[in-house]
Amino acid sequence: TGTKAIRRTYQAARAYRGPYKENAPDL
């Protein structure tokens, strides 16, 4: 299609807060 497929890739360490964020996917 020639279009971008991904709007944004988030880093869990920055997106989440709290004691369990280390269990999240890294991206």
PDB file of all heavy atoms in Angstrom:
ATOM      1  N   THR A   1       0.807  -1.220   0.000  1.00  0.00           N
ATOM      2  CA  THR A   1       0.000   0.000   0.000  1.00  0.00           C
ATOM      3  C   THR A   1       0.841   1.272   0.000  1.00  0.00           C
ATOM      4  O   THR A   1       0.330   2.355  -0.304  1.00  0.00           O
ATOM      5  CB  THR A   1      -0.911   0.025   1.238  1.00  0.00           C
ATOM      6  OG1 THR A   1      -0.089   0.076   2.425  1.00  0.00           O
ATOM      7  CG2 THR A   1      -1.792  -1.216   1.294  1.00  0.00           C
ATOM      8  N   GLY A   2       2.110   1.157   0.394  1.00  0.00           N
ATOM      9  CA  GLY A   2       2.961   2.335   0.481  1.00  0.00           C
ATOM     10  C   GLY A   2       2.692   3.203   1.693  1.00  0.00           C
ATOM     11  O   GLY A   2       3.162   4.343   1.762  1.00  0.00           O
ATOM     12  N   THR A   3       1.918   2.697   2.659  1.00  0.00           N
ATOM     13  CA  THR A   3       1.571   3.472   3.850  1.00  0.00           C
ATOM     14  C   THR A   3       2.310   2.942   5.067  1.00  0.00           C
ATOM     15  O   THR A   3       2.715   1.777   5.125  1.00  0.00           O
ATOM     16  CB  THR A   3       0.062   3.409   4.122  1.00  0.00           C
ATOM     17  OG1 THR A   3      -0.326   2.039   4.313  1.00  0.00           O
ATOM     18  CG2 THR A   3      -0.719   3.978   2.956  1.00  0.00           C
ATOM     19  N   LYS A   4       2.458   3.821   6.076  1.00  0.00           N
ATOM     20  CA  LYS A   4       3.058   3.408   7.332  1.00  0.00           C
ATOM     21  C   LYS A   4       2.128   2.430   8.041  1.00  0.00           C
ATOM     22  O   LYS A   4       0.904   2.625   8.063  1.00  0.00           O
ATOM     23  CB  LYS A   4       3.317   4.609   8.232  1.00  0.00           C
ATOM     24  CG  LYS A   4       4.521   5.445   7.840  1.00  0.00           C
ATOM     25  CD  LYS A   4       4.794   6.520   8.885  1.00  0.00           C
ATOM     26  CE  LYS A   4       5.110   5.916  10.233  1.00  0.00           C
ATOM     27  NZ  LYS A   4       5.454   6.930  11.255  1.00  0.00           N
ATOM     28  N   ALA A   5       2.704   1.398   8.634  1.00  0.00           N
ATOM     29  CA  ALA A   5       1.898   0.368   9.288  1.00  0.00           C
ATOM     30  C   ALA A   5       1.839   0.547  10.795  1.00  0.00           C
ATOM     31  O   ALA A   5       0.961  -0.018  11.451  1.00  0.00           O
ATOM     32  CB  ALA A   5       2.467  -1.018   8.964  1.00  0.00           C
ATOM     33  N   ILE A   6       2.757   1.319  11.346  1.00  0.00           N
ATOM     34  CA  ILE A   6       2.841   1.476  12.806  1.00  0.00           C
ATOM     35  C   ILE A   6       2.807   2.961  13.136  1.00  0.00           C
ATOM     36  O   ILE A   6       3.614   3.747  12.627  1.00  0.00           O
ATOM     37  CB  ILE A   6       4.119   0.806  13.354  1.00  0.00           C
ATOM     38  CG1 ILE A   6       4.027  -0.712  13.162  1.00  0.00           C
ATOM     39  CG2 ILE A   6       4.347   1.159  14.818  1.00  0.00           C
ATOM     40  CD1 ILE A   6       5.311  -1.457  13.435  1.00  0.00           C
ATOM     41  N   ARG A   7       1.863   3.346  13.986  1.00  0.00           N
ATOM     42  CA  ARG A   7       1.734   4.756  14.362  1.00  0.00           C
ATOM     43  C   ARG A   7       2.801   5.158  15.371  1.00  0.00           C
ATOM     44  O   ARG A   7       3.397   6.225  15.265  1.00  0.00           O
ATOM     45  CB  ARG A   7       0.342   5.013  14.946  1.00  0.00           C
ATOM     46  CG  ARG A   7       0.099   6.454  15.367  1.00  0.00           C
ATOM     47  CD  ARG A   7      -1.364   6.765  15.581  1.00  0.00           C
ATOM     48  NE  ARG A   7      -2.119   6.691  14.327  1.00  0.00           N
ATOM     49  CZ  ARG A   7      -3.361   7.135  14.172  1.00  0.00           C
ATOM     50  NH1 ARG A   7      -3.988   7.702  15.193  1.00  0.00           N
ATOM     51  NH2 ARG A   7      -3.976   7.016  13.008  1.00  0.00           N
ATOM     52  N   ARG A   8       3.030   4.292  16.360  1.00  0.00           N
ATOM     53  CA  ARG A   8       4.018   4.618  17.379  1.00  0.00           C
ATOM     54  C   ARG A   8       4.404   3.359  18.133  1.00  0.00           C
ATOM     55  O   ARG A   8       3.564   2.491  18.372  1.00  0.00           O
ATOM     56  CB  ARG A   8       3.458   5.654  18.361  1.00  0.00           C
ATOM     57  CG  ARG A   8       4.453   6.091  19.437  1.00  0.00           C
ATOM     58  CD  ARG A   8       3.835   7.124  20.368  1.00  0.00           C
ATOM     59  NE  ARG A   8       4.735   7.435  21.469  1.00  0.00           N
ATOM     60  CZ  ARG A   8       4.399   8.208  22.503  1.00  0.00           C
ATOM     61  NH1 ARG A   8       3.191   8.757  22.554  1.00  0.00           N
ATOM     62  NH2 ARG A   8       5.258   8.436  23.476  1.00  0.00           N
ATOM     63  N   THR A   9       5.667   3.252  18.489  1.00  0.00           N
ATOM     64  CA  THR A   9       6.149   2.163  19.336  1.00  0.00           C
ATOM     65  C   THR A   9       6.518   2.749  20.696  1.00  0.00           C
ATOM     66  O   THR A   9       7.328   3.674  20.782  1.00  0.00           O
ATOM     67  CB  THR A   9       7.366   1.467  18.707  1.00  0.00           C
ATOM     68  OG1 THR A   9       7.013   0.994  17.401  1.00  0.00           O
ATOM     69  CG2 THR A   9       7.804   0.283  19.561  1.00  0.00           C
ATOM     70  N   TYR A  10       5.919   2.212  21.745  1.00  0.00           N
ATOM     71  CA  TYR A  10       6.068   2.752  23.091  1.00  0.00           C
ATOM     72  C   TYR A  10       7.073   1.922  23.893  1.00  0.00           C
ATOM     73  O   TYR A  10       7.093   0.692  23.800  1.00  0.00           O
ATOM     74  CB  TYR A  10       4.732   2.733  23.836  1.00  0.00           C
ATOM     75  CG  TYR A  10       3.631   3.511  23.176  1.00  0.00           C
ATOM     76  CD1 TYR A  10       2.884   2.955  22.126  1.00  0.00           C
ATOM     77  CD2 TYR A  10       3.294   4.796  23.604  1.00  0.00           C
ATOM     78  CE1 TYR A  10       1.854   3.656  21.523  1.00  0.00           C
ATOM     79  CE2 TYR A  10       2.261   5.507  23.007  1.00  0.00           C
ATOM     80  CZ  TYR A  10       1.544   4.932  21.965  1.00  0.00           C
ATOM     81  OH  TYR A  10       0.522   5.629  21.381  1.00  0.00           O
ATOM     82  N   GLN A  11       7.865   2.581  24.713  1.00  0.00           N
ATOM     83  CA  GLN A  11       8.739   1.894  25.660  1.00  0.00           C
ATOM     84  C   GLN A  11       7.995   1.770  26.991  1.00  0.00           C
ATOM     85  O   GLN A  11       7.577   2.776  27.580  1.00  0.00           O
ATOM     86  CB  GLN A  11      10.047   2.648  25.845  1.00  0.00           C
ATOM     87  CG  GLN A  11      10.911   2.674  24.593  1.00  0.00           C
ATOM     88  CD  GLN A  11      12.329   3.153  24.885  1.00  0.00           C
ATOM     89  OE1 GLN A  11      12.909   2.830  25.913  1.00  0.00           O
ATOM     90  NE2 GLN A  11      12.890   3.905  23.941  1.00  0.00           N
ATOM     91  N   ALA A  12       7.827   0.535  27.452  1.00  0.00           N
ATOM     92  CA  ALA A  12       7.034   0.289  28.650  1.00  0.00           C
ATOM     93  C   ALA A  12       7.579   1.036  29.860  1.00  0.00           C
ATOM     94  O   ALA A  12       6.811   1.521  30.701  1.00  0.00           O
ATOM     95  CB  ALA A  12       6.982  -1.209  28.930  1.00  0.00           C
ATOM     96  N   ALA A  13       8.900   1.147  29.969  1.00  0.00           N
ATOM     97  CA  ALA A  13       9.495   1.807  31.131  1.00  0.00           C
ATOM     98  C   ALA A  13       9.067   3.266  31.241  1.00  0.00           C
ATOM     99  O   ALA A  13       9.056   3.839  32.335  1.00  0.00           O
ATOM    100  CB  ALA A  13      11.018   1.708  31.057  1.00  0.00           C
ATOM    101  N   ARG A  14       8.719   3.865  30.098  1.00  0.00           N
ATOM    102  CA  ARG A  14       8.265   5.257  30.094  1.00  0.00           C
ATOM    103  C   ARG A  14       6.742   5.366  30.116  1.00  0.00           C
ATOM    104  O   ARG A  14       6.195   6.342  30.636  1.00  0.00           O
ATOM    105  CB  ARG A  14       8.801   5.977  28.857  1.00  0.00           C
ATOM    106  CG  ARG A  14      10.327   6.012  28.770  1.00  0.00           C
ATOM    107  CD  ARG A  14      10.768   6.640  27.453  1.00  0.00           C
ATOM    108  NE  ARG A  14      12.235   6.624  27.312  1.00  0.00           N
ATOM    109  CZ  ARG A  14      12.871   7.020  26.227  1.00  0.00           C
ATOM    110  NH1 ARG A  14      12.173   7.477  25.180  1.00  0.00           N
ATOM    111  NH2 ARG A  14      14.192   6.961  26.174  1.00  0.00           N
ATOM    112  N   ALA A  15       6.060   4.377  29.546  1.00  0.00           N
ATOM    113  CA  ALA A  15       4.603   4.447  29.421  1.00  0.00           C
ATOM    114  C   ALA A  15       3.880   4.076  30.709  1.00  0.00           C
ATOM    115  O   ALA A  15       2.766   4.548  30.954  1.00  0.00           O
ATOM    116  CB  ALA A  15       4.130   3.532  28.286  1.00  0.00           C
ATOM    117  N   TYR A  16       4.494   3.222  31.530  1.00  0.00           N
ATOM    118  CA  TYR A  16       3.834   2.711  32.726  1.00  0.00           C
ATOM    119  C   TYR A  16       4.522   3.206  33.985  1.00  0.00           C
ATOM    120  O   TYR A  16       5.713   3.512  34.001  1.00  0.00           O
ATOM    121  CB  TYR A  16       3.830   1.177  32.730  1.00  0.00           C
ATOM    122  CG  TYR A  16       3.149   0.554  31.542  1.00  0.00           C
ATOM    123  CD1 TYR A  16       3.729  -0.533  30.879  1.00  0.00           C
ATOM    124  CD2 TYR A  16       1.929   1.020  31.073  1.00  0.00           C
ATOM    125  CE1 TYR A  16       3.107  -1.130  29.791  1.00  0.00           C
ATOM    126  CE2 TYR A  16       1.301   0.442  29.980  1.00  0.00           C
ATOM    127  CZ  TYR A  16       1.898  -0.632  29.341  1.00  0.00           C
ATOM    128  OH  TYR A  16       1.281  -1.215  28.267  1.00  0.00           O
ATOM    129  N   ARG A  17       3.752   3.212  35.073  1.00  0.00           N
ATOM    130  CA  ARG A  17       4.258   3.536  36.398  1.00  0.00           C
ATOM    131  C   ARG A  17       3.760   2.469  37.359  1.00  0.00           C
ATOM    132  O   ARG A  17       2.603   2.053  37.285  1.00  0.00           O
ATOM    133  CB  ARG A  17       3.753   4.914  36.864  1.00  0.00           C
ATOM    134  CG  ARG A  17       4.053   6.039  35.900  1.00  0.00           C
ATOM    135  CD  ARG A  17       3.454   7.357  36.376  1.00  0.00           C
ATOM    136  NE  ARG A  17       2.005   7.274  36.620  1.00  0.00           N
ATOM    137  CZ  ARG A  17       1.088   7.321  35.675  1.00  0.00           C
ATOM    138  NH1 ARG A  17       1.453   7.417  34.397  1.00  0.00           N
ATOM    139  NH2 ARG A  17      -0.192   7.263  35.976  1.00  0.00           N
ATOM    140  N   GLY A  18       4.622   2.057  38.283  1.00  0.00           N
ATOM    141  CA  GLY A  18       4.167   1.103  39.276  1.00  0.00           C
ATOM    142  C   GLY A  18       5.104  -0.068  39.466  1.00  0.00           C
ATOM    143  O   GLY A  18       6.060  -0.257  38.690  1.00  0.00           O
ATOM    144  N   PRO A  19       4.840  -0.896  40.461  1.00  0.00           N
ATOM    145  CA  PRO A  19       5.759  -1.967  40.846  1.00  0.00           C
ATOM    146  C   PRO A  19       5.828  -3.135  39.878  1.00  0.00           C
ATOM    147  O   PRO A  19       6.734  -3.960  39.989  1.00  0.00           O
ATOM    148  CB  PRO A  19       5.215  -2.424  42.203  1.00  0.00           C
ATOM    149  CG  PRO A  19       3.760  -2.066  42.174  1.00  0.00           C
ATOM    150  CD  PRO A  19       3.676  -0.801  41.391  1.00  0.00           C
ATOM    151  N   TYR A  20       4.883  -3.209  38.930  1.00  0.00           N
ATOM    152  CA  TYR A  20       4.851  -4.374  38.035  1.00  0.00           C
ATOM    153  C   TYR A  20       5.237  -4.046  36.599  1.00  0.00           C
ATOM    154  O   TYR A  20       5.115  -4.886  35.714  1.00  0.00           O
ATOM    155  CB  TYR A  20       3.452  -5.012  38.065  1.00  0.00           C
ATOM    156  CG  TYR A  20       3.006  -5.371  39.462  1.00  0.00           C
ATOM    157  CD1 TYR A  20       2.045  -4.608  40.119  1.00  0.00           C
ATOM    158  CD2 TYR A  20       3.581  -6.445  40.132  1.00  0.00           C
ATOM    159  CE1 TYR A  20       1.650  -4.927  41.412  1.00  0.00           C
ATOM    160  CE2 TYR A  20       3.193  -6.768  41.433  1.00  0.00           C
ATOM    161  CZ  TYR A  20       2.229  -5.994  42.068  1.00  0.00           C
ATOM    162  OH  TYR A  20       1.860  -6.303  43.350  1.00  0.00           O
ATOM    163  N   LYS A  21       5.718  -2.833  36.369  1.00  0.00           N
ATOM    164  CA  LYS A  21       6.010  -2.460  34.982  1.00  0.00           C
ATOM    165  C   LYS A  21       7.149  -3.290  34.398  1.00  0.00           C
ATOM    166  O   LYS A  21       7.261  -3.415  33.176  1.00  0.00           O
ATOM    167  CB  LYS A  21       6.313  -0.967  34.871  1.00  0.00           C
ATOM    168  CG  LYS A  21       7.610  -0.505  35.514  1.00  0.00           C
ATOM    169  CD  LYS A  21       7.791   0.994  35.286  1.00  0.00           C
ATOM    170  CE  LYS A  21       9.126   1.480  35.846  1.00  0.00           C
ATOM    171  NZ  LYS A  21       9.306   2.936  35.596  1.00  0.00           N
ATOM    172  N   GLU A  22       7.986  -3.894  35.247  1.00  0.00           N
ATOM    173  CA  GLU A  22       9.059  -4.748  34.748  1.00  0.00           C
ATOM    174  C   GLU A  22       8.517  -6.028  34.114  1.00  0.00           C
ATOM    175  O   GLU A  22       9.227  -6.707  33.378  1.00  0.00           O
ATOM    176  CB  GLU A  22      10.016  -5.103  35.888  1.00  0.00           C
ATOM    177  CG  GLU A  22      10.716  -3.913  36.526  1.00  0.00           C
ATOM    178  CD  GLU A  22      11.540  -3.119  35.520  1.00  0.00           C
ATOM    179  OE1 GLU A  22      12.159  -3.756  34.645  1.00  0.00           O
ATOM    180  OE2 GLU A  22      11.556  -1.875  35.616  1.00  0.00           O
ATOM    181  N   ASN A  23       7.255  -6.381  34.404  1.00  0.00           N
ATOM    182  CA  ASN A  23       6.643  -7.573  33.810  1.00  0.00           C
ATOM    183  C   ASN A  23       6.065  -7.296  32.422  1.00  0.00           C
ATOM    184  O   ASN A  23       5.640  -8.231  31.736  1.00  0.00           O
ATOM    185  CB  ASN A  23       5.528  -8.107  34.714  1.00  0.00           C
ATOM    186  CG  ASN A  23       6.045  -8.557  36.069  1.00  0.00           C
ATOM    187  OD1 ASN A  23       7.212  -8.932  36.201  1.00  0.00           O
ATOM    188  ND2 ASN A  23       5.196  -8.524  37.078  1.00  0.00           N
ATOM    189  N   ALA A  24       6.045  -6.044  32.026  1.00  0.00           N
ATOM    190  CA  ALA A  24       5.458  -5.666  30.736  1.00  0.00           C
ATOM    191  C   ALA A  24       6.406  -6.025  29.598  1.00  0.00           C
ATOM    192  O   ALA A  24       7.611  -6.191  29.795  1.00  0.00           O
ATOM    193  CB  ALA A  24       5.175  -4.172  30.709  1.00  0.00           C
ATOM    194  N   PRO A  25       5.884  -6.151  28.376  1.00  0.00           N
ATOM    195  CA  PRO A  25       6.787  -6.209  27.220  1.00  0.00           C
ATOM    196  C   PRO A  25       7.665  -4.962  27.224  1.00  0.00           C
ATOM    197  O   PRO A  25       7.243  -3.889  27.668  1.00  0.00           O
ATOM    198  CB  PRO A  25       5.837  -6.216  26.020  1.00  0.00           C
ATOM    199  CG  PRO A  25       4.516  -6.640  26.568  1.00  0.00           C
ATOM    200  CD  PRO A  25       4.466  -6.165  27.982  1.00  0.00           C
ATOM    201  N   ASP A  26       8.867  -5.078  26.728  1.00  0.00           N
ATOM    202  CA  ASP A  26       9.755  -3.917  26.705  1.00  0.00           C
ATOM    203  C   ASP A  26       9.266  -2.857  25.730  1.00  0.00           C
ATOM    204  O   ASP A  26       9.456  -1.658  25.955  1.00  0.00           O
ATOM    205  CB  ASP A  26      11.170  -4.367  26.346  1.00  0.00           C
ATOM    206  CG  ASP A  26      11.764  -5.258  27.422  1.00  0.00           C
ATOM    207  OD1 ASP A  26      12.221  -4.728  28.443  1.00  0.00           O
ATOM    208  OD2 ASP A  26      11.734  -6.493  27.247  1.00  0.00           O
ATOM    209  N   LEU A  27       8.639  -3.304  24.647  1.00  0.00           N
ATOM    210  CA  LEU A  27       8.083  -2.395  23.648  1.00  0.00           C
ATOM    211  C   LEU A  27       6.644  -2.779  23.366  1.00  0.00           C
ATOM    212  O   LEU A  27       6.314  -3.970  23.274  1.00  0.00           O
ATOM    213  CB  LEU A  27       8.894  -2.450  22.351  1.00  0.00           C
ATOM    214  CG  LEU A  27      10.368  -2.037  22.438  1.00  0.00           C
ATOM    215  CD1 LEU A  27      11.097  -2.381  21.142  1.00  0.00           C
ATOM    216  CD2 LEU A  27      10.497  -0.541  22.746  1.00  0.00           C
TER     217      LEU A  27
END
